[in-house]
Amino acid sequence: MLVTLKKIINELGENQAVPAFNVYGYEDAKVILDVASSLRAPAVLMTNRDAVMHMGSRNLCNLLKSISEDYDIPICIHLDHAKSMEEIEEAIKSGYTSVMYDGSSLPINENIENTYRIVQFAKKYNVSVEGEIGSVGYSDPSIKIQGEYTDVEEAKIFYNETGVDILAVAVGTLHRMTGQEAVINYELLNNIEKKLDVPLVIHGSTGVKDHDLTKLSHTSVKKVNIGTAIRMKFGESLKSQFETDEFDRIKLFKKPMKDIEGVILEKYKLLGFKKTFY
């Protein structure tokens, strides 16, 4: 069943954070939903800018809505890193139940103004809104986005003036890290928690060590974004078959779909979801 991100977060158990996985089509979305269903856990299917530029938010959302109809668990379809009101409007009108506006590279006043306008628009459709303060950079040097730790006082002002449902903060991670090398600034995270009563998001969580994922799930962090870990496993598994004469992509996708299952299951478990049998 499709629900908002806010509803999923409000219904999380103690010491749980929901993993939000980037999806690029049927194959990864189905495996994520299969794993989540086996755990009776919620699922957040997240589409990033690359996927939206490739398929369009309307086409992606229609695909994900259709797949979701087969599952009796809470499912959120989330737009990640939107940069404009136009992107947000198209996604919301297509059926996304949650959107993220990323104004982190803008002056704080402009970020606040744009985010507030999006929150007011999204409320009309009962759609959750995620904002970002500070900036989570990229490990890929070709992407010219510098990381910048979240300033606690700016975060407080941003939250109070925008009313976002959930807030992404920069506390030591980078997007597209291929190794678990992030160093989490827990002192900063604790200071943010003391000043703000809002669920937090960690982007770039492929780079977060296993024990840190579990530790984060015991904090105000309630959503953890994961994309690169699945892309790497899917790509490696797909490339391992290139010596074959097989050319049918449906057959070639079977092994990667099986291989990413373990990655997804492990992230769920690290974030507080245990195996159930009902």
Protein backbone atom coordinates (compact mmCIF):
# COMPACT_ATOMS: atom_id res chain seq x y z
CA MET A 1 0.00 0.00 0.00
CA LEU A 2 1.30 3.45 -0.86
CA VAL A 3 1.86 5.76 2.11
CA THR A 4 3.80 8.91 2.88
CA LEU A 5 7.32 8.90 4.21
CA LYS A 6 6.01 10.68 7.29
CA LYS A 7 3.65 7.77 8.02
CA ILE A 8 6.43 5.21 7.66
CA ILE A 9 8.68 7.16 10.01
CA ASN A 10 5.94 7.69 12.57
CA GLU A 11 5.31 3.93 12.72
CA LEU A 12 8.92 2.78 13.01
CA GLY A 13 9.77 0.74 16.06
CA GLU A 14 12.30 1.75 18.67
CA ASN A 15 15.88 1.75 17.33
CA GLN A 16 14.82 1.42 13.71
CA ALA A 17 15.63 3.54 10.66
CA VAL A 18 14.17 2.81 7.25
CA PRO A 19 16.61 2.19 4.40
CA ALA A 20 15.70 4.18 1.30
CA PHE A 21 17.05 2.49 -1.81
CA ASN A 22 17.66 4.13 -5.18
CA VAL A 23 15.82 2.19 -7.88
CA TYR A 24 16.26 2.26 -11.64
CA GLY A 25 13.51 -0.04 -12.85
CA TYR A 26 11.58 -3.23 -12.31
CA GLU A 27 14.50 -5.46 -11.32
CA ASP A 28 15.82 -3.64 -8.26
CA ALA A 29 12.38 -2.42 -7.14
CA LYS A 30 11.00 -5.97 -7.09
CA VAL A 31 13.90 -7.35 -5.06
CA ILE A 32 13.63 -4.51 -2.52
CA LEU A 33 9.91 -5.12 -2.11
CA ASP A 34 10.40 -8.90 -1.85
CA VAL A 35 12.95 -8.45 0.93
CA ALA A 36 10.88 -5.84 2.76
CA SER A 37 7.81 -8.05 2.52
CA SER A 38 9.72 -11.02 3.97
CA LEU A 39 10.54 -8.85 6.98
CA ARG A 40 7.08 -7.24 7.16
CA ALA A 41 9.04 -3.99 6.91
CA PRO A 42 8.21 -0.74 5.13
CA ALA A 43 9.95 0.10 1.87
CA VAL A 44 11.12 3.40 0.41
CA LEU A 45 11.63 3.26 -3.36
CA MET A 46 13.74 6.28 -4.21
CA THR A 47 14.42 7.72 -7.66
CA ASN A 48 17.45 9.95 -8.12
CA ARG A 49 18.14 12.55 -10.78
CA ASP A 50 19.91 10.09 -13.11
CA ALA A 51 16.91 7.77 -13.13
CA VAL A 52 14.43 10.62 -13.59
CA MET A 53 16.42 12.07 -16.49
CA HIS A 54 16.57 8.62 -18.09
CA MET A 55 12.92 7.59 -17.69
CA GLY A 56 10.98 10.62 -16.51
CA SER A 57 9.35 10.87 -13.10
CA ARG A 58 5.88 10.07 -14.44
CA ASN A 59 7.00 6.86 -16.15
CA LEU A 60 9.04 5.79 -13.12
CA CYS A 61 6.22 6.49 -10.72
CA ASN A 62 3.67 4.62 -12.81
CA LEU A 63 5.98 1.60 -12.93
CA LEU A 64 6.66 1.67 -9.18
CA LYS A 65 2.99 2.17 -8.31
CA SER A 66 2.06 -0.83 -10.43
CA ILE A 67 4.70 -3.08 -8.84
CA SER A 68 3.68 -1.90 -5.36
CA GLU A 69 0.12 -3.11 -5.84
CA ASP A 70 1.33 -6.70 -5.33
CA TYR A 71 2.61 -6.06 -1.78
CA ASP A 72 0.80 -5.69 1.53
CA ILE A 73 3.40 -3.52 3.27
CA PRO A 74 3.77 0.26 3.61
CA ILE A 75 5.55 1.58 0.51
CA CYS A 76 6.73 5.12 -0.15
CA ILE A 77 7.75 6.35 -3.61
CA HIS A 78 10.27 9.13 -2.99
CA LEU A 79 11.81 11.69 -5.36
CA ASP A 80 15.41 12.37 -4.40
CA HIS A 81 17.41 15.59 -4.92
CA ALA A 82 14.89 17.60 -6.92
CA LYS A 83 16.24 21.05 -7.74
CA SER A 84 13.14 22.90 -8.92
CA MET A 85 9.46 23.42 -8.22
CA GLU A 86 8.70 22.09 -11.71
CA GLU A 87 10.30 18.72 -10.91
CA ILE A 88 8.42 18.58 -7.61
CA GLU A 89 5.06 19.42 -9.17
CA GLU A 90 5.42 16.80 -11.90
CA ALA A 91 6.40 14.11 -9.38
CA ILE A 92 3.60 14.90 -6.95
CA LYS A 93 0.98 15.00 -9.69
CA SER A 94 2.34 11.67 -10.99
CA GLY A 95 1.75 10.00 -7.62
CA TYR A 96 4.97 10.25 -5.61
CA THR A 97 4.15 10.12 -1.90
CA SER A 98 7.32 11.92 -0.80
CA VAL A 99 9.69 14.44 -2.36
CA MET A 100 13.06 15.91 -1.46
CA TYR A 101 13.93 19.44 -2.43
CA ASP A 102 17.69 19.95 -2.44
CA GLY A 103 18.52 23.62 -2.03
CA SER A 104 21.69 22.87 -0.10
CA SER A 105 23.93 24.68 -2.60
CA LEU A 106 21.89 27.90 -2.33
CA PRO A 107 22.20 30.71 0.21
CA ILE A 108 20.22 29.69 3.28
CA ASN A 109 17.52 32.34 2.77
CA GLU A 110 16.85 31.11 -0.75
CA ASN A 111 16.88 27.48 0.39
CA ILE A 112 14.33 28.34 3.10
CA GLU A 113 12.10 30.31 0.72
CA ASN A 114 12.02 27.58 -1.93
CA THR A 115 11.58 24.74 0.55
CA TYR A 116 8.73 26.53 2.34
CA ARG A 117 6.91 27.03 -0.98
CA ILE A 118 7.31 23.32 -1.78
CA VAL A 119 6.06 22.27 1.67
CA GLN A 120 2.93 24.38 1.20
CA PHE A 121 2.31 22.88 -2.24
CA ALA A 122 2.92 19.30 -1.08
CA LYS A 123 0.48 19.68 1.82
CA LYS A 124 -2.37 20.03 -0.67
CA TYR A 125 -1.61 16.52 -1.91
CA ASN A 126 -0.69 14.94 1.45
CA VAL A 127 2.89 14.39 0.30
CA SER A 128 5.87 14.37 2.66
CA VAL A 129 8.76 16.78 2.11
CA GLU A 130 12.44 16.29 2.91
CA GLY A 131 14.80 19.25 2.96
CA GLU A 132 18.57 19.49 3.31
CA ILE A 133 20.75 21.86 5.29
CA GLY A 134 24.49 21.63 5.02
CA SER A 135 25.72 19.74 1.98
CA VAL A 136 26.61 16.09 1.43
CA GLY A 137 29.28 16.16 -1.26
CA TYR A 138 30.41 13.51 -3.73
CA SER A 139 33.40 11.19 -3.71
CA ASP A 140 33.44 11.43 -7.52
CA PRO A 141 35.79 14.35 -8.33
CA SER A 142 33.99 14.99 -11.62
CA ILE A 143 30.93 16.15 -9.67
CA LYS A 144 31.71 19.64 -8.43
CA ILE A 145 29.62 19.61 -5.26
CA GLN A 146 31.59 20.23 -2.11
CA GLY A 147 30.55 18.76 1.21
CA GLU A 148 29.82 21.11 4.09
CA TYR A 149 28.89 20.08 7.61
CA THR A 150 25.44 21.10 8.80
CA ASP A 151 25.46 24.19 11.00
CA VAL A 152 23.26 23.51 14.03
CA GLU A 153 21.82 27.01 14.33
CA GLU A 154 21.12 27.19 10.60
CA ALA A 155 19.41 23.81 10.80
CA LYS A 156 17.17 25.08 13.60
CA ILE A 157 16.20 28.18 11.64
CA PHE A 158 15.66 26.14 8.47
CA TYR A 159 13.38 23.64 10.18
CA ASN A 160 11.38 26.23 12.09
CA GLU A 161 10.76 28.32 8.97
CA THR A 162 10.05 25.55 6.47
CA GLY A 163 8.21 22.89 8.48
CA VAL A 164 9.72 19.99 6.53
CA ASP A 165 8.68 16.50 7.63
CA ILE A 166 12.24 15.18 7.67
CA LEU A 167 15.63 16.83 7.42
CA ALA A 168 18.78 15.65 5.65
CA VAL A 169 21.98 16.62 7.44
CA ALA A 170 25.67 16.44 6.59
CA VAL A 171 27.64 14.73 9.37
CA GLY A 172 30.48 13.01 7.53
CA THR A 173 29.17 11.01 4.57
CA LEU A 174 29.67 11.50 0.82
CA HIS A 175 27.54 10.36 -2.09
CA ARG A 176 28.86 7.55 -4.28
CA MET A 177 31.44 6.21 -1.87
CA THR A 178 32.42 2.71 -2.97
CA GLY A 179 34.02 1.74 0.35
CA GLN A 180 32.76 2.03 3.92
CA GLU A 181 35.12 4.84 4.83
CA ALA A 182 32.81 7.58 6.17
CA VAL A 183 33.65 9.00 9.58
CA ILE A 184 30.45 10.06 11.32
CA ASN A 185 30.67 13.21 13.42
CA TYR A 186 28.54 12.02 16.33
CA GLU A 187 29.21 15.16 18.35
CA LEU A 188 27.61 17.24 15.61
CA LEU A 189 24.76 14.76 15.21
CA ASN A 190 24.05 14.86 18.95
CA ASN A 191 24.04 18.66 18.93
CA ILE A 192 21.53 18.65 16.07
CA GLU A 193 19.33 16.22 17.98
CA LYS A 194 19.37 18.46 21.05
CA LYS A 195 18.26 21.52 19.08
CA LEU A 196 15.73 20.01 16.67
CA ASP A 197 12.79 17.71 17.23
CA VAL A 198 12.63 16.34 13.68
CA PRO A 199 13.50 12.99 12.08
CA LEU A 200 16.86 13.11 10.31
CA VAL A 201 18.18 11.62 7.07
CA ILE A 202 21.69 10.45 6.23
CA HIS A 203 22.60 10.55 2.53
CA GLY A 204 25.52 8.64 1.05
CA SER A 205 25.12 5.70 3.40
CA THR A 206 26.89 3.14 1.25
CA GLY A 207 30.01 4.66 2.80
CA VAL A 208 28.81 4.06 6.37
CA LYS A 209 30.34 1.17 8.30
CA ASP A 210 28.01 -1.61 9.47
CA HIS A 211 28.34 -0.81 13.16
CA ASP A 212 27.67 2.86 12.44
CA LEU A 213 24.45 2.02 10.60
CA THR A 214 23.21 0.23 13.69
CA LYS A 215 24.39 3.05 15.93
CA LEU A 216 22.61 5.61 13.75
CA SER A 217 19.36 3.68 14.03
CA HIS A 218 19.48 4.39 17.79
CA THR A 219 19.47 8.15 17.16
CA SER A 220 17.04 10.62 15.56
CA VAL A 221 18.13 9.33 12.15
CA LYS A 222 15.05 7.64 10.71
CA LYS A 223 15.89 7.39 7.00
CA VAL A 224 19.17 6.15 5.54
CA ASN A 225 19.77 6.57 1.80
CA ILE A 226 21.53 3.73 -0.01
CA GLY A 227 22.19 3.57 -3.72
CA THR A 228 25.78 2.84 -4.67
CA ALA A 229 25.96 -0.46 -2.75
CA ILE A 230 23.18 -1.94 -4.86
CA ARG A 231 24.41 -0.46 -8.13
CA MET A 232 27.89 -1.86 -7.52
CA LYS A 233 26.62 -5.35 -6.71
CA PHE A 234 24.18 -5.36 -9.64
CA GLY A 235 26.85 -4.11 -12.07
CA GLU A 236 29.53 -6.52 -10.88
CA SER A 237 27.13 -9.45 -11.13
CA LEU A 238 26.02 -8.41 -14.59
CA LYS A 239 29.60 -7.99 -15.85
CA SER A 240 30.55 -11.42 -14.51
CA GLN A 241 28.33 -12.92 -17.21
CA PHE A 242 29.86 -11.12 -20.17
CA GLU A 243 31.85 -14.20 -21.23
CA THR A 244 28.59 -15.99 -22.00
CA ASP A 245 26.90 -16.15 -25.39
CA GLU A 246 23.62 -15.23 -23.72
CA PHE A 247 22.09 -12.02 -25.09
CA ASP A 248 18.60 -12.08 -23.54
CA ARG A 249 18.68 -9.34 -20.93
CA ILE A 250 15.88 -10.91 -18.91
CA LYS A 251 18.07 -13.97 -18.39
CA LEU A 252 21.14 -11.83 -17.75
CA PHE A 253 19.28 -9.90 -15.05
CA LYS A 254 18.41 -12.99 -13.00
CA LYS A 255 21.81 -13.33 -11.34
CA PRO A 256 22.14 -9.62 -10.39
CA MET A 257 18.62 -9.68 -8.95
CA LYS A 258 19.57 -12.64 -6.77
CA ASP A 259 22.90 -11.10 -5.76
CA ILE A 260 21.51 -7.73 -4.60
CA GLU A 261 19.03 -9.51 -2.35
CA GLY A 262 21.71 -10.16 0.27
CA VAL A 263 22.88 -6.54 0.26
CA ILE A 264 19.34 -5.26 0.80
CA LEU A 265 18.57 -7.77 3.53
CA GLU A 266 21.78 -6.94 5.41
CA LYS A 267 21.03 -3.20 5.38
CA TYR A 268 17.55 -3.82 6.76
CA LYS A 269 18.93 -5.97 9.55
CA LEU A 270 21.63 -3.47 10.47
CA LEU A 271 18.94 -0.79 10.73
CA GLY A 272 16.81 -2.72 13.18
CA PHE A 273 14.59 -5.02 11.12
CA LYS A 274 14.73 -8.68 12.04
CA LYS A 275 13.42 -11.71 10.20
CA THR A 276 9.77 -12.55 10.90
CA PHE A 277 7.59 -15.40 9.74
CA TYR A 278 3.98 -14.18 9.61
